[in-house]
């Protein structure tokens, strides 16, 4: 009561006296290519789970939180890294060629360099993200090569619990107004992404007392920091949150 495929698997596992070399047809076939699976080291989350995150906030109640996530375009194509400042609702987005850990670290290192270590540590005391493989190297995110080494603290949401970084997820809905699910990001440039985020960050929010994230962030950290982050204000009457914004 075995299927043919199961019998072939048993032969491969050498559970019978017969070997693959004894099967005239099978030795002619090339083995099927199987894409290697990326294995995430679960050890990277030790001391960085959501319970640890909550304990950290209890011990450091004045700490501001940044939520980090990915927005996927075409499968296998370009994608976005999003960085959401929860207190001000400002979101940054960066275009990446592929959804890899190296691409995330490269962007964090670039922001560290542009902002300087003091401003970076002020803006990024805590980063909360999900369990994606692109965020599986927290030490490289937390540490810089130069002194002072410590620059942030990375924590992870519980598996299948995106609501734990709900502010970021809600803001993604604004991105999806302009870049609907299933659309390709391959023809976009970082300038396009900056333009999109300028319109989103200039959109006034009720929870910010009818101020925009841009205005709120500017109040806390100043216009100079916003310019370094590539952010520009857009007048309310010119805001477009539709796909036509990026039509060329």
C-alpha atoms as a PDB file:
ATOM      1  CA  UNK A   1       0.000   0.000   0.000  1.00  0.00           C
ATOM      2  CA  UNK A   2       2.754   2.473  -1.020  1.00  0.00           C
ATOM      3  CA  UNK A   3       2.801   4.949  -3.875  1.00  0.00           C
ATOM      4  CA  UNK A   4       5.505   4.763  -6.530  1.00  0.00           C
ATOM      5  CA  UNK A   5       7.069   7.984  -5.211  1.00  0.00           C
ATOM      6  CA  UNK A   6       7.307   6.516  -1.704  1.00  0.00           C
ATOM      7  CA  UNK A   7       9.110   3.457  -3.025  1.00  0.00           C
ATOM      8  CA  UNK A   8      11.617   5.673  -4.833  1.00  0.00           C
ATOM      9  CA  UNK A   9      12.184   7.569  -1.583  1.00  0.00           C
ATOM     10  CA  UNK A  10      12.826   4.279   0.220  1.00  0.00           C
ATOM     11  CA  UNK A  11      15.390   3.348  -2.415  1.00  0.00           C
ATOM     12  CA  UNK A  12      17.072   6.746  -2.005  1.00  0.00           C
ATOM     13  CA  UNK A  13      17.209   6.153   1.743  1.00  0.00           C
ATOM     14  CA  UNK A  14      18.806   2.732   1.092  1.00  0.00           C
ATOM     15  CA  UNK A  15      16.093   0.906   3.032  1.00  0.00           C
ATOM     16  CA  UNK A  16      16.076  -1.909   0.411  1.00  0.00           C
ATOM     17  CA  UNK A  17      18.821  -4.045  -1.065  1.00  0.00           C
ATOM     18  CA  UNK A  18      18.141  -2.421  -4.438  1.00  0.00           C
ATOM     19  CA  UNK A  19      20.052   0.792  -5.209  1.00  0.00           C
ATOM     20  CA  UNK A  20      19.445   3.639  -7.655  1.00  0.00           C
ATOM     21  CA  UNK A  21      22.120   2.167  -9.940  1.00  0.00           C
ATOM     22  CA  UNK A  22      19.896  -0.896 -10.320  1.00  0.00           C
ATOM     23  CA  UNK A  23      17.083   1.233 -11.803  1.00  0.00           C
ATOM     24  CA  UNK A  24      17.951   1.729 -15.509  1.00  0.00           C
ATOM     25  CA  UNK A  25      15.615   4.653 -16.063  1.00  0.00           C
ATOM     26  CA  UNK A  26      16.247   6.541 -12.854  1.00  0.00           C
ATOM     27  CA  UNK A  27      20.000   6.836 -13.338  1.00  0.00           C
ATOM     28  CA  UNK A  28      19.306   8.761 -16.549  1.00  0.00           C
ATOM     29  CA  UNK A  29      17.368  11.501 -14.744  1.00  0.00           C
ATOM     30  CA  UNK A  30      19.027  14.579 -13.376  1.00  0.00           C
ATOM     31  CA  UNK A  31      18.188  15.301  -9.733  1.00  0.00           C
ATOM     32  CA  UNK A  32      15.637  18.071  -9.396  1.00  0.00           C
ATOM     33  CA  UNK A  33      17.002  21.403  -8.238  1.00  0.00           C
ATOM     34  CA  UNK A  34      15.704  22.367  -4.838  1.00  0.00           C
ATOM     35  CA  UNK A  35      16.181  25.961  -3.782  1.00  0.00           C
ATOM     36  CA  UNK A  36      18.061  25.983  -0.466  1.00  0.00           C
ATOM     37  CA  UNK A  37      15.984  27.161   2.451  1.00  0.00           C
ATOM     38  CA  UNK A  38      17.300  30.014   4.601  1.00  0.00           C
ATOM     39  CA  UNK A  39      17.448  28.806   8.173  1.00  0.00           C
ATOM     40  CA  UNK A  40      16.942  31.497  10.784  1.00  0.00           C
ATOM     41  CA  UNK A  41      19.011  31.112  13.927  1.00  0.00           C
ATOM     42  CA  UNK A  42      16.364  31.190  16.648  1.00  0.00           C
ATOM     43  CA  UNK A  43      19.095  31.928  19.159  1.00  0.00           C
ATOM     44  CA  UNK A  44      19.189  35.531  17.966  1.00  0.00           C
ATOM     45  CA  UNK A  45      15.855  36.093  19.719  1.00  0.00           C
ATOM     46  CA  UNK A  46      17.042  34.993  23.155  1.00  0.00           C
ATOM     47  CA  UNK A  47      16.670  38.015  25.403  1.00  0.00           C
ATOM     48  CA  UNK A  48      14.932  39.922  22.599  1.00  0.00           C
ATOM     49  CA  UNK A  49      11.383  38.514  22.569  1.00  0.00           C
ATOM     50  CA  UNK A  50       8.241  40.567  23.159  1.00  0.00           C
ATOM     51  CA  UNK A  51       8.230  39.887  26.904  1.00  0.00           C
ATOM     52  CA  UNK A  52      11.801  41.219  27.087  1.00  0.00           C
ATOM     53  CA  UNK A  53      10.656  44.263  25.101  1.00  0.00           C
ATOM     54  CA  UNK A  54       7.894  44.991  27.616  1.00  0.00           C
ATOM     55  CA  UNK A  55      10.320  44.604  30.533  1.00  0.00           C
ATOM     56  CA  UNK A  56      12.728  47.015  28.834  1.00  0.00           C
ATOM     57  CA  UNK A  57       9.993  49.650  28.535  1.00  0.00           C
ATOM     58  CA  UNK A  58       9.067  49.219  32.205  1.00  0.00           C
ATOM     59  CA  UNK A  59      12.711  49.803  33.164  1.00  0.00           C
ATOM     60  CA  UNK A  60      13.051  52.673  30.661  1.00  0.00           C
ATOM     61  CA  UNK A  61       9.615  54.353  30.574  1.00  0.00           C
ATOM     62  CA  UNK A  62      10.755  57.428  28.636  1.00  0.00           C
ATOM     63  CA  UNK A  63      12.101  55.371  25.729  1.00  0.00           C
ATOM     64  CA  UNK A  64      10.645  56.046  22.294  1.00  0.00           C
ATOM     65  CA  UNK A  65       9.983  53.036  20.062  1.00  0.00           C
ATOM     66  CA  UNK A  66      10.710  52.514  16.372  1.00  0.00           C
ATOM     67  CA  UNK A  67       8.926  49.719  14.493  1.00  0.00           C
ATOM     68  CA  UNK A  68      10.585  48.120  11.462  1.00  0.00           C
ATOM     69  CA  UNK A  69       9.052  45.952   8.742  1.00  0.00           C
ATOM     70  CA  UNK A  70       9.169  44.994   5.061  1.00  0.00           C
ATOM     71  CA  UNK A  71       6.713  45.699   2.241  1.00  0.00           C
ATOM     72  CA  UNK A  72       6.921  43.176  -0.571  1.00  0.00           C
ATOM     73  CA  UNK A  73       6.314  43.945  -4.234  1.00  0.00           C
ATOM     74  CA  UNK A  74       6.654  41.271  -6.888  1.00  0.00           C
ATOM     75  CA  UNK A  75       7.823  37.983  -5.391  1.00  0.00           C
ATOM     76  CA  UNK A  76      11.577  37.844  -5.923  1.00  0.00           C
ATOM     77  CA  UNK A  77      11.738  41.506  -6.950  1.00  0.00           C
ATOM     78  CA  UNK A  78      12.520  44.754  -5.185  1.00  0.00           C
ATOM     79  CA  UNK A  79      10.996  45.415  -1.775  1.00  0.00           C
ATOM     80  CA  UNK A  80      10.834  48.143   0.864  1.00  0.00           C
ATOM     81  CA  UNK A  81      12.263  48.450   4.346  1.00  0.00           C
ATOM     82  CA  UNK A  82       9.928  50.603   6.432  1.00  0.00           C
ATOM     83  CA  UNK A  83      10.920  52.367   9.649  1.00  0.00           C
ATOM     84  CA  UNK A  84       8.075  53.827  11.694  1.00  0.00           C
ATOM     85  CA  UNK A  85       8.551  56.312  14.542  1.00  0.00           C
ATOM     86  CA  UNK A  86       5.562  55.439  16.724  1.00  0.00           C
ATOM     87  CA  UNK A  87       5.479  58.649  18.763  1.00  0.00           C
ATOM     88  CA  UNK A  88       5.264  60.956  15.731  1.00  0.00           C
ATOM     89  CA  UNK A  89       3.797  58.527  13.123  1.00  0.00           C
ATOM     90  CA  UNK A  90       6.592  59.457  10.690  1.00  0.00           C
ATOM     91  CA  UNK A  91       7.603  56.584   8.431  1.00  0.00           C
ATOM     92  CA  UNK A  92      10.748  56.155   6.340  1.00  0.00           C
ATOM     93  CA  UNK A  93      10.927  53.686   3.451  1.00  0.00           C
ATOM     94  CA  UNK A  94      13.971  52.431   1.581  1.00  0.00           C
ATOM     95  CA  UNK A  95      14.052  50.462  -1.656  1.00  0.00           C
ATOM     96  CA  UNK A  96      16.038  47.206  -1.615  1.00  0.00           C
ATOM     97  CA  UNK A  97      17.017  44.893  -4.450  1.00  0.00           C
ATOM     98  CA  UNK A  98      16.107  41.826  -2.398  1.00  0.00           C
ATOM     99  CA  UNK A  99      14.673  40.996   1.006  1.00  0.00           C
ATOM    100  CA  UNK A 100      17.910  40.048   2.761  1.00  0.00           C
ATOM    101  CA  UNK A 101      19.501  40.635   6.132  1.00  0.00           C
ATOM    102  CA  UNK A 102      22.507  42.283   4.469  1.00  0.00           C
ATOM    103  CA  UNK A 103      20.290  44.902   2.786  1.00  0.00           C
ATOM    104  CA  UNK A 104      18.693  45.827   6.121  1.00  0.00           C
ATOM    105  CA  UNK A 105      22.065  46.191   7.843  1.00  0.00           C
ATOM    106  CA  UNK A 106      23.348  48.309   4.962  1.00  0.00           C
ATOM    107  CA  UNK A 107      20.481  50.792   5.417  1.00  0.00           C
ATOM    108  CA  UNK A 108      20.932  50.940   9.194  1.00  0.00           C
ATOM    109  CA  UNK A 109      24.652  51.619   8.738  1.00  0.00           C
ATOM    110  CA  UNK A 110      23.868  54.348   6.203  1.00  0.00           C
ATOM    111  CA  UNK A 111      21.411  56.060   8.560  1.00  0.00           C
ATOM    112  CA  UNK A 112      23.971  55.854  11.368  1.00  0.00           C
ATOM    113  CA  UNK A 113      26.545  57.541   9.155  1.00  0.00           C
ATOM    114  CA  UNK A 114      24.210  60.265   7.884  1.00  0.00           C
ATOM    115  CA  UNK A 115      22.725  61.152  11.268  1.00  0.00           C
ATOM    116  CA  UNK A 116      25.827  60.741  13.410  1.00  0.00           C
ATOM    117  CA  UNK A 117      25.977  58.442  16.419  1.00  0.00           C
ATOM    118  CA  UNK A 118      24.363  60.855  18.888  1.00  0.00           C
ATOM    119  CA  UNK A 119      21.317  61.627  16.748  1.00  0.00           C
ATOM    120  CA  UNK A 120      20.969  57.997  15.638  1.00  0.00           C
ATOM    121  CA  UNK A 121      20.952  56.732  19.217  1.00  0.00           C
ATOM    122  CA  UNK A 122      18.428  59.426  20.145  1.00  0.00           C
ATOM    123  CA  UNK A 123      16.065  58.441  17.322  1.00  0.00           C
ATOM    124  CA  UNK A 124      16.586  54.661  17.523  1.00  0.00           C
ATOM    125  CA  UNK A 125      16.839  53.659  21.199  1.00  0.00           C
ATOM    126  CA  UNK A 126      14.605  50.616  20.585  1.00  0.00           C
ATOM    127  CA  UNK A 127      13.642  48.822  17.373  1.00  0.00           C
ATOM    128  CA  UNK A 128      10.707  46.390  17.393  1.00  0.00           C
ATOM    129  CA  UNK A 129      10.370  44.126  14.376  1.00  0.00           C
ATOM    130  CA  UNK A 130       8.924  40.781  13.306  1.00  0.00           C
ATOM    131  CA  UNK A 131      10.429  37.331  12.807  1.00  0.00           C
ATOM    132  CA  UNK A 132      11.361  37.693   9.128  1.00  0.00           C
ATOM    133  CA  UNK A 133      14.710  36.305   8.029  1.00  0.00           C
ATOM    134  CA  UNK A 134      15.783  39.791   6.912  1.00  0.00           C
ATOM    135  CA  UNK A 135      15.892  40.822  10.587  1.00  0.00           C
ATOM    136  CA  UNK A 136      17.731  37.724  11.813  1.00  0.00           C
ATOM    137  CA  UNK A 137      21.079  39.412  12.517  1.00  0.00           C
ATOM    138  CA  UNK A 138      20.275  41.730  15.451  1.00  0.00           C
ATOM    139  CA  UNK A 139      23.860  42.101  16.634  1.00  0.00           C
ATOM    140  CA  UNK A 140      24.868  43.793  13.368  1.00  0.00           C
ATOM    141  CA  UNK A 141      21.904  46.156  13.757  1.00  0.00           C
ATOM    142  CA  UNK A 142      22.637  46.902  17.414  1.00  0.00           C
ATOM    143  CA  UNK A 143      26.395  47.396  17.174  1.00  0.00           C
ATOM    144  CA  UNK A 144      28.529  49.740  15.097  1.00  0.00           C
ATOM    145  CA  UNK A 145      32.147  49.123  14.177  1.00  0.00           C
ATOM    146  CA  UNK A 146      33.334  52.344  15.784  1.00  0.00           C
ATOM    147  CA  UNK A 147      33.124  53.606  19.352  1.00  0.00           C
ATOM    148  CA  UNK A 148      30.619  53.935  20.956  1.00  0.00           C
ATOM    149  CA  UNK A 149      29.676  50.404  19.852  1.00  0.00           C
ATOM    150  CA  UNK A 150      26.110  50.238  21.171  1.00  0.00           C
ATOM    151  CA  UNK A 151      23.638  52.156  19.008  1.00  0.00           C
ATOM    152  CA  UNK A 152      20.200  50.554  19.566  1.00  0.00           C
ATOM    153  CA  UNK A 153      18.299  47.610  21.078  1.00  0.00           C
ATOM    154  CA  UNK A 154      16.427  45.149  18.859  1.00  0.00           C
ATOM    155  CA  UNK A 155      13.368  43.184  19.988  1.00  0.00           C
ATOM    156  CA  UNK A 156      10.982  40.825  18.182  1.00  0.00           C
ATOM    157  CA  UNK A 157       7.218  40.458  18.171  1.00  0.00           C
ATOM    158  CA  UNK A 158       5.762  37.075  19.002  1.00  0.00           C
ATOM    159  CA  UNK A 159       5.271  34.802  15.961  1.00  0.00           C
ATOM    160  CA  UNK A 160       2.025  35.501  14.064  1.00  0.00           C
ATOM    161  CA  UNK A 161       1.349  38.610  16.164  1.00  0.00           C
ATOM    162  CA  UNK A 162       1.610  41.606  13.783  1.00  0.00           C
ATOM    163  CA  UNK A 163      -0.759  43.560  16.050  1.00  0.00           C
ATOM    164  CA  UNK A 164       2.168  43.990  18.451  1.00  0.00           C
ATOM    165  CA  UNK A 165       3.568  46.520  15.979  1.00  0.00           C
ATOM    166  CA  UNK A 166       0.165  47.684  14.840  1.00  0.00           C
ATOM    167  CA  UNK A 167       1.166  51.315  14.239  1.00  0.00           C
ATOM    168  CA  UNK A 168       3.541  50.247  11.469  1.00  0.00           C
ATOM    169  CA  UNK A 169       0.969  47.873   9.941  1.00  0.00           C
ATOM    170  CA  UNK A 170      -1.685  50.603   9.851  1.00  0.00           C
ATOM    171  CA  UNK A 171       0.680  53.018   8.125  1.00  0.00           C
ATOM    172  CA  UNK A 172       1.376  50.381   5.474  1.00  0.00           C
ATOM    173  CA  UNK A 173      -2.237  50.827   4.393  1.00  0.00           C
ATOM    174  CA  UNK A 174      -1.302  54.296   3.144  1.00  0.00           C
ATOM    175  CA  UNK A 175       1.590  52.821   1.145  1.00  0.00           C
ATOM    176  CA  UNK A 176      -0.803  50.270  -0.361  1.00  0.00           C
ATOM    177  CA  UNK A 177      -3.037  53.085  -1.595  1.00  0.00           C
ATOM    178  CA  UNK A 178      -0.162  54.110  -3.856  1.00  0.00           C
ATOM    179  CA  UNK A 179       1.469  50.689  -4.371  1.00  0.00           C
ATOM    180  CA  UNK A 180      -1.349  48.097  -4.276  1.00  0.00           C
ATOM    181  CA  UNK A 181      -0.576  44.528  -3.268  1.00  0.00           C
ATOM    182  CA  UNK A 182       0.856  42.522  -6.138  1.00  0.00           C
ATOM    183  CA  UNK A 183       2.338  45.544  -7.897  1.00  0.00           C
ATOM    184  CA  UNK A 184       5.999  45.433  -8.869  1.00  0.00           C
ATOM    185  CA  UNK A 185       8.549  47.819  -7.367  1.00  0.00           C
ATOM    186  CA  UNK A 186      11.212  46.904  -9.932  1.00  0.00           C
ATOM    187  CA  UNK A 187      10.843  50.088 -12.005  1.00  0.00           C
ATOM    188  CA  UNK A 188      10.864  52.398  -8.984  1.00  0.00           C
ATOM    189  CA  UNK A 189      13.812  54.415  -7.724  1.00  0.00           C
ATOM    190  CA  UNK A 190      14.610  55.645  -4.236  1.00  0.00           C
ATOM    191  CA  UNK A 191      13.549  59.112  -5.393  1.00  0.00           C
ATOM    192  CA  UNK A 192      10.090  57.693  -6.127  1.00  0.00           C
ATOM    193  CA  UNK A 193       9.962  56.220  -2.628  1.00  0.00           C
ATOM    194  CA  UNK A 194      11.025  59.529  -1.055  1.00  0.00           C
ATOM    195  CA  UNK A 195       8.238  61.281  -3.000  1.00  0.00           C
ATOM    196  CA  UNK A 196       5.649  58.744  -1.879  1.00  0.00           C
ATOM    197  CA  UNK A 197       6.664  59.012   1.766  1.00  0.00           C
ATOM    198  CA  UNK A 198       6.669  62.843   1.611  1.00  0.00           C
ATOM    199  CA  UNK A 199       2.994  62.725   0.632  1.00  0.00           C
ATOM    200  CA  UNK A 200       2.186  60.132   3.308  1.00  0.00           C
ATOM    201  CA  UNK A 201       4.108  61.982   6.041  1.00  0.00           C
ATOM    202  CA  UNK A 202       2.383  65.271   5.124  1.00  0.00           C
ATOM    203  CA  UNK A 203      -1.079  63.714   5.512  1.00  0.00           C
ATOM    204  CA  UNK A 204      -2.671  65.069   8.695  1.00  0.00           C
ATOM    205  CA  UNK A 205      -3.765  62.574  11.384  1.00  0.00           C
ATOM    206  CA  UNK A 206      -6.554  62.928  13.915  1.00  0.00           C
ATOM    207  CA  UNK A 207      -4.469  61.235  16.624  1.00  0.00           C
ATOM    208  CA  UNK A 208      -1.801  63.932  16.153  1.00  0.00           C
ATOM    209  CA  UNK A 209      -4.372  66.672  16.836  1.00  0.00           C
ATOM    210  CA  UNK A 210      -4.815  67.198  13.091  1.00  0.00           C
ATOM    211  CA  UNK A 211      -1.106  67.696  12.521  1.00  0.00           C
ATOM    212  CA  UNK A 212       0.960  65.735  10.034  1.00  0.00           C
ATOM    213  CA  UNK A 213       3.732  63.313  11.034  1.00  0.00           C
ATOM    214  CA  UNK A 214       6.170  65.687   9.342  1.00  0.00           C
ATOM    215  CA  UNK A 215       5.052  68.600  11.524  1.00  0.00           C
ATOM    216  CA  UNK A 216       5.082  66.496  14.691  1.00  0.00           C
ATOM    217  CA  UNK A 217       8.537  65.043  14.035  1.00  0.00           C
ATOM    218  CA  UNK A 218       9.862  68.511  13.204  1.00  0.00           C
ATOM    219  CA  UNK A 219       8.562  69.815  16.545  1.00  0.00           C
ATOM    220  CA  UNK A 220      10.446  67.102  18.464  1.00  0.00           C
ATOM    221  CA  UNK A 221      13.668  66.802  16.471  1.00  0.00           C
ATOM    222  CA  UNK A 222      13.923  69.773  14.085  1.00  0.00           C
ATOM    223  CA  UNK A 223      13.922  70.360  10.340  1.00  0.00           C
ATOM    224  CA  UNK A 224      17.629  69.614  10.000  1.00  0.00           C
ATOM    225  CA  UNK A 225      17.133  65.964  10.998  1.00  0.00           C
ATOM    226  CA  UNK A 226      14.239  65.640   8.538  1.00  0.00           C
ATOM    227  CA  UNK A 227      16.396  66.943   5.697  1.00  0.00           C
ATOM    228  CA  UNK A 228      19.096  64.408   6.561  1.00  0.00           C
ATOM    229  CA  UNK A 229      16.448  61.674   6.369  1.00  0.00           C
ATOM    230  CA  UNK A 230      15.405  62.859   2.915  1.00  0.00           C
ATOM    231  CA  UNK A 231      11.989  64.154   4.036  1.00  0.00           C
ATOM    232  CA  UNK A 232      10.235  67.158   2.510  1.00  0.00           C
ATOM    233  CA  UNK A 233       6.807  68.663   3.322  1.00  0.00           C
ATOM    234  CA  UNK A 234       3.943  68.615   0.829  1.00  0.00           C
ATOM    235  CA  UNK A 235       1.135  71.174   0.960  1.00  0.00           C
ATOM    236  CA  UNK A 236      -2.202  69.666   2.015  1.00  0.00           C
ATOM    237  CA  UNK A 237      -3.916  70.579  -1.269  1.00  0.00           C
ATOM    238  CA  UNK A 238      -1.188  68.796  -3.275  1.00  0.00           C
ATOM    239  CA  UNK A 239      -1.194  65.462  -1.402  1.00  0.00           C
ATOM    240  CA  UNK A 240      -1.915  62.440  -3.618  1.00  0.00           C
ATOM    241  CA  UNK A 241      -2.401  58.989  -2.083  1.00  0.00           C
ATOM    242  CA  UNK A 242      -3.208  57.127  -5.287  1.00  0.00           C
ATOM    243  CA  UNK A 243      -1.156  55.066  -7.777  1.00  0.00           C
ATOM    244  CA  UNK A 244      -1.090  57.997 -10.220  1.00  0.00           C
ATOM    245  CA  UNK A 245       1.440  59.712  -7.910  1.00  0.00           C
ATOM    246  CA  UNK A 246       4.215  57.468  -9.277  1.00  0.00           C
ATOM    247  CA  UNK A 247       2.966  57.127 -12.854  1.00  0.00           C
ATOM    248  CA  UNK A 248       5.719  58.189 -15.239  1.00  0.00           C
END
